[in-house]
Structures are given as C-alpha cells and as structure tokens.
Amino acid sequence: LKDPQTGRIPPAAEDALVEYLSSPVPKIRIGAVRGLEAGGTARALPALRALAENPFAGIDPAILAQPLPEGQKPQPAFIGDPCREAIRAIESRAGEPR
C-alpha cells in the first residue's frame, strides 16, 4: 500500500490501521502496529502512544488468560514494545524528536 515516492500509506489505509489498534484481537492490533510502523504518519502517533501505555485495553480477559503456543501468558510488552518501535519509526520519518 505504500506510495513508492513518499514511503507512506494512503490516508484511508492509515485511518483503518489506527482503528484496528483497538481491535479485541491481539494479532490484529500487532498487524496494525506493524503497518503503521512501515508507512504511518504523525497522525497515528496519539493512538499508538495510547496503546503503548495500555496494550491490553479492551481485550477480553478470557483471551489474555489463554496461554500462547509457547506456553507463556500474554504480556503487555508483546503489544507495547512493537508500539514503541512504530512510534520511533514514525517520529524518525517525520523528523520529530524521540
């Protein structure tokens, strides 16, 4: 979806990815974060920062209680760390301070 000249995704795609950040499905959230990391703009930063602060907001506790295939329980860092990486990537592209 990225424009080869700007390296950014179209505004409508970015808006959809920002909405997916609040999905009740953790893997969808991660996918949205990665998409924004690759081509998001400063418009996505407030939503990414909010998700980084509270990665499990709106996720059913029953989902979080299920062990992962590796036998671990989900940790906030599984979503929070990629959010912080996406924030750094967007800030770097936008020339904003980290």
PDB file of N, CA and C in Angstrom:
ATOM      1  N   LEU A   1       0.787  -1.206   0.000  1.00  0.00           N
ATOM      2  CA  LEU A   1       0.000   0.000   0.000  1.00  0.00           C
ATOM      3  C   LEU A   1       0.832   1.276   0.000  1.00  0.00           C
ATOM      4  N   LYS A   2       2.115   1.159   0.336  1.00  0.00           N
ATOM      5  CA  LYS A   2       2.928   2.371   0.443  1.00  0.00           C
ATOM      6  C   LYS A   2       3.139   3.013  -0.922  1.00  0.00           C
ATOM      7  N   ASP A   3       3.092   4.319  -0.915  1.00  0.00           N
ATOM      8  CA  ASP A   3       3.433   5.091  -2.093  1.00  0.00           C
ATOM      9  C   ASP A   3       4.948   5.017  -2.247  1.00  0.00           C
ATOM     10  N   PRO A   4       5.445   4.548  -3.391  1.00  0.00           N
ATOM     11  CA  PRO A   4       6.901   4.401  -3.536  1.00  0.00           C
ATOM     12  C   PRO A   4       7.665   5.709  -3.453  1.00  0.00           C
ATOM     13  N   GLN A   5       7.007   6.815  -3.763  1.00  0.00           N
ATOM     14  CA  GLN A   5       7.696   8.105  -3.719  1.00  0.00           C
ATOM     15  C   GLN A   5       7.781   8.665  -2.308  1.00  0.00           C
ATOM     16  N   THR A   6       6.703   8.519  -1.533  1.00  0.00           N
ATOM     17  CA  THR A   6       6.687   9.097  -0.182  1.00  0.00           C
ATOM     18  C   THR A   6       7.023   8.078   0.897  1.00  0.00           C
ATOM     19  N   GLY A   7       6.852   6.772   0.594  1.00  0.00           N
ATOM     20  CA  GLY A   7       7.070   5.754   1.621  1.00  0.00           C
ATOM     21  C   GLY A   7       5.941   5.691   2.634  1.00  0.00           C
ATOM     22  N   ARG A   8       4.835   6.365   2.324  1.00  0.00           N
ATOM     23  CA  ARG A   8       3.708   6.408   3.260  1.00  0.00           C
ATOM     24  C   ARG A   8       2.519   5.678   2.671  1.00  0.00           C
ATOM     25  N   ILE A   9       1.621   5.289   3.547  1.00  0.00           N
ATOM     26  CA  ILE A   9       0.401   4.632   3.109  1.00  0.00           C
ATOM     27  C   ILE A   9      -0.681   5.683   2.869  1.00  0.00           C
ATOM     28  N   PRO A  10      -1.686   5.370   2.041  1.00  0.00           N
ATOM     29  CA  PRO A  10      -2.759   6.340   1.805  1.00  0.00           C
ATOM     30  C   PRO A  10      -3.488   6.676   3.103  1.00  0.00           C
ATOM     31  N   PRO A  11      -4.005   7.902   3.226  1.00  0.00           N
ATOM     32  CA  PRO A  11      -4.700   8.301   4.453  1.00  0.00           C
ATOM     33  C   PRO A  11      -5.838   7.355   4.858  1.00  0.00           C
ATOM     34  N   ALA A  12      -6.605   6.850   3.893  1.00  0.00           N
ATOM     35  CA  ALA A  12      -7.715   5.943   4.239  1.00  0.00           C
ATOM     36  C   ALA A  12      -7.191   4.646   4.843  1.00  0.00           C
ATOM     37  N   ALA A  13      -6.077   4.141   4.328  1.00  0.00           N
ATOM     38  CA  ALA A  13      -5.479   2.921   4.889  1.00  0.00           C
ATOM     39  C   ALA A  13      -4.929   3.198   6.282  1.00  0.00           C
ATOM     40  N   GLU A  14      -4.317   4.352   6.449  1.00  0.00           N
ATOM     41  CA  GLU A  14      -3.794   4.711   7.765  1.00  0.00           C
ATOM     42  C   GLU A  14      -4.932   4.825   8.778  1.00  0.00           C
ATOM     43  N   ASP A  15      -6.033   5.438   8.367  1.00  0.00           N
ATOM     44  CA  ASP A  15      -7.191   5.548   9.256  1.00  0.00           C
ATOM     45  C   ASP A  15      -7.704   4.173   9.665  1.00  0.00           C
ATOM     46  N   ALA A  16      -7.761   3.244   8.710  1.00  0.00           N
ATOM     47  CA  ALA A  16      -8.223   1.885   9.018  1.00  0.00           C
ATOM     48  C   ALA A  16      -7.270   1.200   9.996  1.00  0.00           C
ATOM     49  N   LEU A  17      -5.968   1.353   9.776  1.00  0.00           N
ATOM     50  CA  LEU A  17      -4.998   0.740  10.692  1.00  0.00           C
ATOM     51  C   LEU A  17      -5.111   1.330  12.091  1.00  0.00           C
ATOM     52  N   VAL A  18      -5.321   2.625  12.187  1.00  0.00           N
ATOM     53  CA  VAL A  18      -5.492   3.252  13.501  1.00  0.00           C
ATOM     54  C   VAL A  18      -6.718   2.650  14.186  1.00  0.00           C
ATOM     55  N   GLU A  19      -7.780   2.426  13.446  1.00  0.00           N
ATOM     56  CA  GLU A  19      -8.971   1.807  14.048  1.00  0.00           C
ATOM     57  C   GLU A  19      -8.678   0.386  14.503  1.00  0.00           C
ATOM     58  N   TYR A  20      -7.882  -0.349  13.736  1.00  0.00           N
ATOM     59  CA  TYR A  20      -7.545  -1.730  14.100  1.00  0.00           C
ATOM     60  C   TYR A  20      -6.710  -1.797  15.385  1.00  0.00           C
ATOM     61  N   LEU A  21      -6.108  -0.693  15.783  1.00  0.00           N
ATOM     62  CA  LEU A  21      -5.343  -0.697  17.037  1.00  0.00           C
ATOM     63  C   LEU A  21      -6.246  -0.995  18.239  1.00  0.00           C
ATOM     64  N   SER A  22      -7.532  -0.772  18.104  1.00  0.00           N
ATOM     65  CA  SER A  22      -8.451  -1.052  19.214  1.00  0.00           C
ATOM     66  C   SER A  22      -9.199  -2.361  19.028  1.00  0.00           C
ATOM     67  N   SER A  23      -8.749  -3.186  18.109  1.00  0.00           N
ATOM     68  CA  SER A  23      -9.384  -4.488  17.887  1.00  0.00           C
ATOM     69  C   SER A  23      -9.313  -5.329  19.160  1.00  0.00           C
ATOM     70  N   PRO A  24     -10.337  -6.144  19.418  1.00  0.00           N
ATOM     71  CA  PRO A  24     -10.277  -7.044  20.574  1.00  0.00           C
ATOM     72  C   PRO A  24      -9.371  -8.249  20.326  1.00  0.00           C
ATOM     73  N   VAL A  25      -8.812  -8.350  19.136  1.00  0.00           N
ATOM     74  CA  VAL A  25      -7.937  -9.475  18.782  1.00  0.00           C
ATOM     75  C   VAL A  25      -6.481  -8.986  18.784  1.00  0.00           C
ATOM     76  N   PRO A  26      -5.660  -9.492  19.701  1.00  0.00           N
ATOM     77  CA  PRO A  26      -4.280  -9.006  19.795  1.00  0.00           C
ATOM     78  C   PRO A  26      -3.490  -9.088  18.495  1.00  0.00           C
ATOM     79  N   LYS A  27      -3.644 -10.158  17.713  1.00  0.00           N
ATOM     80  CA  LYS A  27      -2.871 -10.280  16.470  1.00  0.00           C
ATOM     81  C   LYS A  27      -3.255  -9.199  15.461  1.00  0.00           C
ATOM     82  N   ILE A  28      -4.509  -8.785  15.471  1.00  0.00           N
ATOM     83  CA  ILE A  28      -4.926  -7.699  14.578  1.00  0.00           C
ATOM     84  C   ILE A  28      -4.271  -6.398  15.024  1.00  0.00           C
ATOM     85  N   ARG A  29      -4.202  -6.187  16.334  1.00  0.00           N
ATOM     86  CA  ARG A  29      -3.527  -4.985  16.840  1.00  0.00           C
ATOM     87  C   ARG A  29      -2.073  -4.956  16.386  1.00  0.00           C
ATOM     88  N   ILE A  30      -1.401  -6.086  16.528  1.00  0.00           N
ATOM     89  CA  ILE A  30       0.021  -6.160  16.146  1.00  0.00           C
ATOM     90  C   ILE A  30       0.175  -5.890  14.648  1.00  0.00           C
ATOM     91  N   GLY A  31      -0.701  -6.460  13.843  1.00  0.00           N
ATOM     92  CA  GLY A  31      -0.645  -6.221  12.402  1.00  0.00           C
ATOM     93  C   GLY A  31      -0.818  -4.751  12.068  1.00  0.00           C
ATOM     94  N   ALA A  32      -1.745  -4.102  12.750  1.00  0.00           N
ATOM     95  CA  ALA A  32      -1.961  -2.673  12.534  1.00  0.00           C
ATOM     96  C   ALA A  32      -0.733  -1.871  12.959  1.00  0.00           C
ATOM     97  N   VAL A  33      -0.147  -2.239  14.076  1.00  0.00           N
ATOM     98  CA  VAL A  33       1.056  -1.550  14.551  1.00  0.00           C
ATOM     99  C   VAL A  33       2.171  -1.673  13.514  1.00  0.00           C
ATOM    100  N   ARG A  34       2.360  -2.885  12.992  1.00  0.00           N
ATOM    101  CA  ARG A  34       3.432  -3.109  12.011  1.00  0.00           C
ATOM    102  C   ARG A  34       3.165  -2.332  10.717  1.00  0.00           C
ATOM    103  N   GLY A  35       1.905  -2.268  10.310  1.00  0.00           N
ATOM    104  CA  GLY A  35       1.564  -1.488   9.127  1.00  0.00           C
ATOM    105  C   GLY A  35       1.853  -0.012   9.320  1.00  0.00           C
ATOM    106  N   LEU A  36       1.530   0.494  10.497  1.00  0.00           N
ATOM    107  CA  LEU A  36       1.804   1.904  10.789  1.00  0.00           C
ATOM    108  C   LEU A  36       3.300   2.146  10.923  1.00  0.00           C
ATOM    109  N   GLU A  37       4.006   1.187  11.468  1.00  0.00           N
ATOM    110  CA  GLU A  37       5.461   1.322  11.568  1.00  0.00           C
ATOM    111  C   GLU A  37       6.077   1.463  10.172  1.00  0.00           C
ATOM    112  N   ALA A  38       5.555   0.702   9.230  1.00  0.00           N
ATOM    113  CA  ALA A  38       6.108   0.700   7.877  1.00  0.00           C
ATOM    114  C   ALA A  38       5.772   1.951   7.083  1.00  0.00           C
ATOM    115  N   GLY A  39       4.591   2.540   7.319  1.00  0.00           N
ATOM    116  CA  GLY A  39       4.226   3.665   6.475  1.00  0.00           C
ATOM    117  C   GLY A  39       3.312   4.694   7.099  1.00  0.00           C
ATOM    118  N   GLY A  40       3.120   4.630   8.406  1.00  0.00           N
ATOM    119  CA  GLY A  40       2.245   5.588   9.067  1.00  0.00           C
ATOM    120  C   GLY A  40       2.865   6.969   9.180  1.00  0.00           C
ATOM    121  N   THR A  41       2.006   7.930   9.504  1.00  0.00           N
ATOM    122  CA  THR A  41       2.460   9.318   9.657  1.00  0.00           C
ATOM    123  C   THR A  41       2.210   9.769  11.089  1.00  0.00           C
ATOM    124  N   ALA A  42       2.539  11.006  11.354  1.00  0.00           N
ATOM    125  CA  ALA A  42       2.363  11.567  12.694  1.00  0.00           C
ATOM    126  C   ALA A  42       0.900  11.519  13.144  1.00  0.00           C
ATOM    127  N   ARG A  43      -0.030  11.420  12.204  1.00  0.00           N
ATOM    128  CA  ARG A  43      -1.453  11.322  12.577  1.00  0.00           C
ATOM    129  C   ARG A  43      -1.730  10.095  13.432  1.00  0.00           C
ATOM    130  N   ALA A  44      -0.926   9.046  13.280  1.00  0.00           N
ATOM    131  CA  ALA A  44      -1.136   7.801  14.018  1.00  0.00           C
ATOM    132  C   ALA A  44      -0.501   7.817  15.406  1.00  0.00           C
ATOM    133  N   LEU A  45       0.346   8.791  15.671  1.00  0.00           N
ATOM    134  CA  LEU A  45       1.095   8.791  16.936  1.00  0.00           C
ATOM    135  C   LEU A  45       0.219   8.814  18.188  1.00  0.00           C
ATOM    136  N   PRO A  46      -0.818   9.644  18.277  1.00  0.00           N
ATOM    137  CA  PRO A  46      -1.613   9.632  19.514  1.00  0.00           C
ATOM    138  C   PRO A  46      -2.209   8.249  19.826  1.00  0.00           C
ATOM    139  N   ALA A  47      -2.722   7.575  18.804  1.00  0.00           N
ATOM    140  CA  ALA A  47      -3.317   6.248  19.024  1.00  0.00           C
ATOM    141  C   ALA A  47      -2.246   5.229  19.403  1.00  0.00           C
ATOM    142  N   LEU A  48      -1.091   5.299  18.773  1.00  0.00           N
ATOM    143  CA  LEU A  48      -0.002   4.376  19.121  1.00  0.00           C
ATOM    144  C   LEU A  48       0.506   4.623  20.537  1.00  0.00           C
ATOM    145  N   ARG A  49       0.614   5.877  20.909  1.00  0.00           N
ATOM    146  CA  ARG A  49       1.081   6.192  22.268  1.00  0.00           C
ATOM    147  C   ARG A  49       0.078   5.696  23.308  1.00  0.00           C
ATOM    148  N   ALA A  50      -1.207   5.853  23.033  1.00  0.00           N
ATOM    149  CA  ALA A  50      -2.234   5.370  23.959  1.00  0.00           C
ATOM    150  C   ALA A  50      -2.172   3.858  24.079  1.00  0.00           C
ATOM    151  N   LEU A  51      -1.984   3.168  22.966  1.00  0.00           N
ATOM    152  CA  LEU A  51      -1.905   1.710  23.006  1.00  0.00           C
ATOM    153  C   LEU A  51      -0.640   1.254  23.731  1.00  0.00           C
ATOM    154  N   ALA A  52       0.462   1.953  23.525  1.00  0.00           N
ATOM    155  CA  ALA A  52       1.707   1.600  24.216  1.00  0.00           C
ATOM    156  C   ALA A  52       1.546   1.727  25.725  1.00  0.00           C
ATOM    157  N   GLU A  53       0.759   2.713  26.162  1.00  0.00           N
ATOM    158  CA  GLU A  53       0.520   2.916  27.598  1.00  0.00           C
ATOM    159  C   GLU A  53      -0.365   1.832  28.191  1.00  0.00           C
ATOM    160  N   ASN A  54      -1.328   1.326  27.405  1.00  0.00           N
ATOM    161  CA  ASN A  54      -2.270   0.327  27.910  1.00  0.00           C
ATOM    162  C   ASN A  54      -2.549  -0.692  26.801  1.00  0.00           C
ATOM    163  N   PRO A  55      -1.580  -1.601  26.544  1.00  0.00           N
ATOM    164  CA  PRO A  55      -1.682  -2.517  25.419  1.00  0.00           C
ATOM    165  C   PRO A  55      -2.872  -3.476  25.453  1.00  0.00           C
ATOM    166  N   PHE A  56      -3.402  -3.751  26.627  1.00  0.00           N
ATOM    167  CA  PHE A  56      -4.484  -4.731  26.735  1.00  0.00           C
ATOM    168  C   PHE A  56      -5.859  -4.085  26.897  1.00  0.00           C
ATOM    169  N   ALA A  57      -5.967  -2.769  26.756  1.00  0.00           N
ATOM    170  CA  ALA A  57      -7.256  -2.092  26.888  1.00  0.00           C
ATOM    171  C   ALA A  57      -8.247  -2.668  25.884  1.00  0.00           C
ATOM    172  N   GLY A  58      -9.410  -3.077  26.379  1.00  0.00           N
ATOM    173  CA  GLY A  58     -10.461  -3.574  25.508  1.00  0.00           C
ATOM    174  C   GLY A  58     -10.331  -5.014  25.075  1.00  0.00           C
ATOM    175  N   ILE A  59      -9.317  -5.714  25.547  1.00  0.00           N
ATOM    176  CA  ILE A  59      -9.177  -7.128  25.208  1.00  0.00           C
ATOM    177  C   ILE A  59      -9.828  -7.947  26.320  1.00  0.00           C
ATOM    178  N   ASP A  60     -10.654  -8.888  25.924  1.00  0.00           N
ATOM    179  CA  ASP A  60     -11.366  -9.741  26.867  1.00  0.00           C
ATOM    180  C   ASP A  60     -10.364 -10.470  27.763  1.00  0.00           C
ATOM    181  N   PRO A  61     -10.531 -10.403  29.078  1.00  0.00           N
ATOM    182  CA  PRO A  61      -9.625 -11.101  29.995  1.00  0.00           C
ATOM    183  C   PRO A  61      -9.528 -12.605  29.711  1.00  0.00           C
ATOM    184  N   ALA A  62     -10.585 -13.200  29.168  1.00  0.00           N
ATOM    185  CA  ALA A  62     -10.532 -14.633  28.835  1.00  0.00           C
ATOM    186  C   ALA A  62      -9.491 -14.907  27.751  1.00  0.00           C
ATOM    187  N   ILE A  63      -9.346 -13.974  26.819  1.00  0.00           N
ATOM    188  CA  ILE A  63      -8.321 -14.128  25.781  1.00  0.00           C
ATOM    189  C   ILE A  63      -6.939 -14.029  26.408  1.00  0.00           C
ATOM    190  N   LEU A  64      -6.782 -13.086  27.314  1.00  0.00           N
ATOM    191  CA  LEU A  64      -5.476 -12.884  27.947  1.00  0.00           C
ATOM    192  C   LEU A  64      -5.105 -14.028  28.881  1.00  0.00           C
ATOM    193  N   ALA A  65      -6.091 -14.775  29.352  1.00  0.00           N
ATOM    194  CA  ALA A  65      -5.830 -15.899  30.258  1.00  0.00           C
ATOM    195  C   ALA A  65      -5.358 -17.137  29.512  1.00  0.00           C
ATOM    196  N   GLN A  66      -5.549 -17.173  28.208  1.00  0.00           N
ATOM    197  CA  GLN A  66      -5.151 -18.337  27.424  1.00  0.00           C
ATOM    198  C   GLN A  66      -3.650 -18.325  27.188  1.00  0.00           C
ATOM    199  N   PRO A  67      -3.001 -19.450  27.410  1.00  0.00           N
ATOM    200  CA  PRO A  67      -1.559 -19.492  27.143  1.00  0.00           C
ATOM    201  C   PRO A  67      -1.279 -19.423  25.643  1.00  0.00           C
ATOM    202  N   LEU A  68      -0.148 -18.862  25.323  1.00  0.00           N
ATOM    203  CA  LEU A  68       0.306 -18.788  23.943  1.00  0.00           C
ATOM    204  C   LEU A  68       0.847 -20.152  23.536  1.00  0.00           C
ATOM    205  N   PRO A  69       1.046 -20.390  22.241  1.00  0.00           N
ATOM    206  CA  PRO A  69       1.590 -21.680  21.812  1.00  0.00           C
ATOM    207  C   PRO A  69       2.905 -22.045  22.504  1.00  0.00           C
ATOM    208  N   GLU A  70       3.665 -21.050  22.905  1.00  0.00           N
ATOM    209  CA  GLU A  70       4.939 -21.301  23.593  1.00  0.00           C
ATOM    210  C   GLU A  70       4.733 -21.629  25.066  1.00  0.00           C
ATOM    211  N   GLY A  71       3.475 -21.606  25.527  1.00  0.00           N
ATOM    212  CA  GLY A  71       3.174 -21.909  26.921  1.00  0.00           C
ATOM    213  C   GLY A  71       3.186 -20.699  27.835  1.00  0.00           C
ATOM    214  N   GLN A  72       3.534 -19.536  27.322  1.00  0.00           N
ATOM    215  CA  GLN A  72       3.558 -18.316  28.124  1.00  0.00           C
ATOM    216  C   GLN A  72       2.197 -17.648  28.099  1.00  0.00           C
ATOM    217  N   LYS A  73       1.967 -16.811  29.100  1.00  0.00           N
ATOM    218  CA  LYS A  73       0.767 -15.972  29.079  1.00  0.00           C
ATOM    219  C   LYS A  73       1.112 -14.675  28.355  1.00  0.00           C
ATOM    220  N   PRO A  74       0.121 -14.071  27.688  1.00  0.00           N
ATOM    221  CA  PRO A  74       0.391 -12.800  27.011  1.00  0.00           C
ATOM    222  C   PRO A  74       0.903 -11.745  27.992  1.00  0.00           C
ATOM    223  N   GLN A  75       1.872 -10.993  27.547  1.00  0.00           N
ATOM    224  CA  GLN A  75       2.462  -9.921  28.340  1.00  0.00           C
ATOM    225  C   GLN A  75       2.214  -8.587  27.634  1.00  0.00           C
ATOM    226  N   PRO A  76       2.044  -7.496  28.371  1.00  0.00           N
ATOM    227  CA  PRO A  76       1.840  -6.190  27.727  1.00  0.00           C
ATOM    228  C   PRO A  76       2.938  -5.837  26.729  1.00  0.00           C
ATOM    229  N   ALA A  77       4.150  -6.296  26.973  1.00  0.00           N
ATOM    230  CA  ALA A  77       5.268  -5.985  26.074  1.00  0.00           C
ATOM    231  C   ALA A  77       5.066  -6.567  24.680  1.00  0.00           C
ATOM    232  N   PHE A  78       4.249  -7.614  24.566  1.00  0.00           N
ATOM    233  CA  PHE A  78       4.016  -8.214  23.251  1.00  0.00           C
ATOM    234  C   PHE A  78       3.366  -7.219  22.300  1.00  0.00           C
ATOM    235  N   ILE A  79       2.598  -6.288  22.830  1.00  0.00           N
ATOM    236  CA  ILE A  79       1.985  -5.243  22.019  1.00  0.00           C
ATOM    237  C   ILE A  79       2.683  -3.907  22.255  1.00  0.00           C
ATOM    238  N   GLY A  80       3.048  -3.635  23.494  1.00  0.00           N
ATOM    239  CA  GLY A  80       3.656  -2.350  23.844  1.00  0.00           C
ATOM    240  C   GLY A  80       4.991  -2.113  23.169  1.00  0.00           C
ATOM    241  N   ASP A  81       5.845  -3.142  23.124  1.00  0.00           N
ATOM    242  CA  ASP A  81       7.163  -2.962  22.502  1.00  0.00           C
ATOM    243  C   ASP A  81       7.054  -2.642  21.009  1.00  0.00           C
ATOM    244  N   PRO A  82       6.242  -3.399  20.238  1.00  0.00           N
ATOM    245  CA  PRO A  82       6.088  -3.019  18.832  1.00  0.00           C
ATOM    246  C   PRO A  82       5.502  -1.611  18.655  1.00  0.00           C
ATOM    247  N   CYS A  83       4.619  -1.197  19.569  1.00  0.00           N
ATOM    248  CA  CYS A  83       4.077   0.171  19.504  1.00  0.00           C
ATOM    249  C   CYS A  83       5.197   1.186  19.629  1.00  0.00           C
ATOM    250  N   ARG A  84       6.072   0.977  20.574  1.00  0.00           N
ATOM    251  CA  ARG A  84       7.180   1.912  20.764  1.00  0.00           C
ATOM    252  C   ARG A  84       8.110   1.918  19.544  1.00  0.00           C
ATOM    253  N   GLU A  85       8.320   0.754  18.927  1.00  0.00           N
ATOM    254  CA  GLU A  85       9.130   0.694  17.704  1.00  0.00           C
ATOM    255  C   GLU A  85       8.458   1.486  16.586  1.00  0.00           C
ATOM    256  N   ALA A  86       7.136   1.339  16.455  1.00  0.00           N
ATOM    257  CA  ALA A  86       6.398   2.071  15.425  1.00  0.00           C
ATOM    258  C   ALA A  86       6.464   3.574  15.684  1.00  0.00           C
ATOM    259  N   ILE A  87       6.337   3.967  16.928  1.00  0.00           N
ATOM    260  CA  ILE A  87       6.413   5.393  17.284  1.00  0.00           C
ATOM    261  C   ILE A  87       7.777   5.952  16.875  1.00  0.00           C
ATOM    262  N   ARG A  88       8.838   5.217  17.205  1.00  0.00           N
ATOM    263  CA  ARG A  88      10.187   5.680  16.839  1.00  0.00           C
ATOM    264  C   ARG A  88      10.342   5.789  15.320  1.00  0.00           C
ATOM    265  N   ALA A  89       9.813   4.811  14.586  1.00  0.00           N
ATOM    266  CA  ALA A  89       9.932   4.834  13.124  1.00  0.00           C
ATOM    267  C   ALA A  89       9.186   6.032  12.540  1.00  0.00           C
ATOM    268  N   ILE A  90       7.983   6.277  13.026  1.00  0.00           N
ATOM    269  CA  ILE A  90       7.192   7.402  12.507  1.00  0.00           C
ATOM    270  C   ILE A  90       7.856   8.725  12.866  1.00  0.00           C
ATOM    271  N   GLU A  91       8.316   8.845  14.103  1.00  0.00           N
ATOM    272  CA  GLU A  91       8.989  10.081  14.516  1.00  0.00           C
ATOM    273  C   GLU A  91      10.238  10.320  13.671  1.00  0.00           C
ATOM    274  N   SER A  92      10.946   9.259  13.363  1.00  0.00           N
ATOM    275  CA  SER A  92      12.152   9.381  12.552  1.00  0.00           C
ATOM    276  C   SER A  92      11.814   9.870  11.138  1.00  0.00           C
ATOM    277  N   ARG A  93      10.757   9.301  10.555  1.00  0.00           N
ATOM    278  CA  ARG A  93      10.335   9.738   9.221  1.00  0.00           C
ATOM    279  C   ARG A  93       9.845  11.165   9.234  1.00  0.00           C
ATOM    280  N   ALA A  94       9.149  11.528  10.301  1.00  0.00           N
ATOM    281  CA  ALA A  94       8.552  12.873  10.391  1.00  0.00           C
ATOM    282  C   ALA A  94       9.553  13.919  10.868  1.00  0.00           C
ATOM    283  N   GLY A  95      10.721  13.463  11.311  1.00  0.00           N
ATOM    284  CA  GLY A  95      11.713  14.391  11.822  1.00  0.00           C
ATOM    285  C   GLY A  95      11.352  14.927  13.188  1.00  0.00           C
ATOM    286  N   GLU A  96      10.493  14.203  13.926  1.00  0.00           N
ATOM    287  CA  GLU A  96      10.091  14.643  15.259  1.00  0.00           C
ATOM    288  C   GLU A  96      11.073  14.110  16.298  1.00  0.00           C
ATOM    289  N   PRO A  97      11.197  14.803  17.428  1.00  0.00           N
ATOM    290  CA  PRO A  97      12.087  14.321  18.478  1.00  0.00           C
ATOM    291  C   PRO A  97      11.564  13.031  19.092  1.00  0.00           C
ATOM    292  N   ARG A  98      12.485  12.215  19.513  1.00  0.00           N
ATOM    293  CA  ARG A  98      12.115  10.948  20.128  1.00  0.00           C
ATOM    294  C   ARG A  98      11.872  11.145  21.554  1.00  0.00           C
TER     295      ARG A  98
END
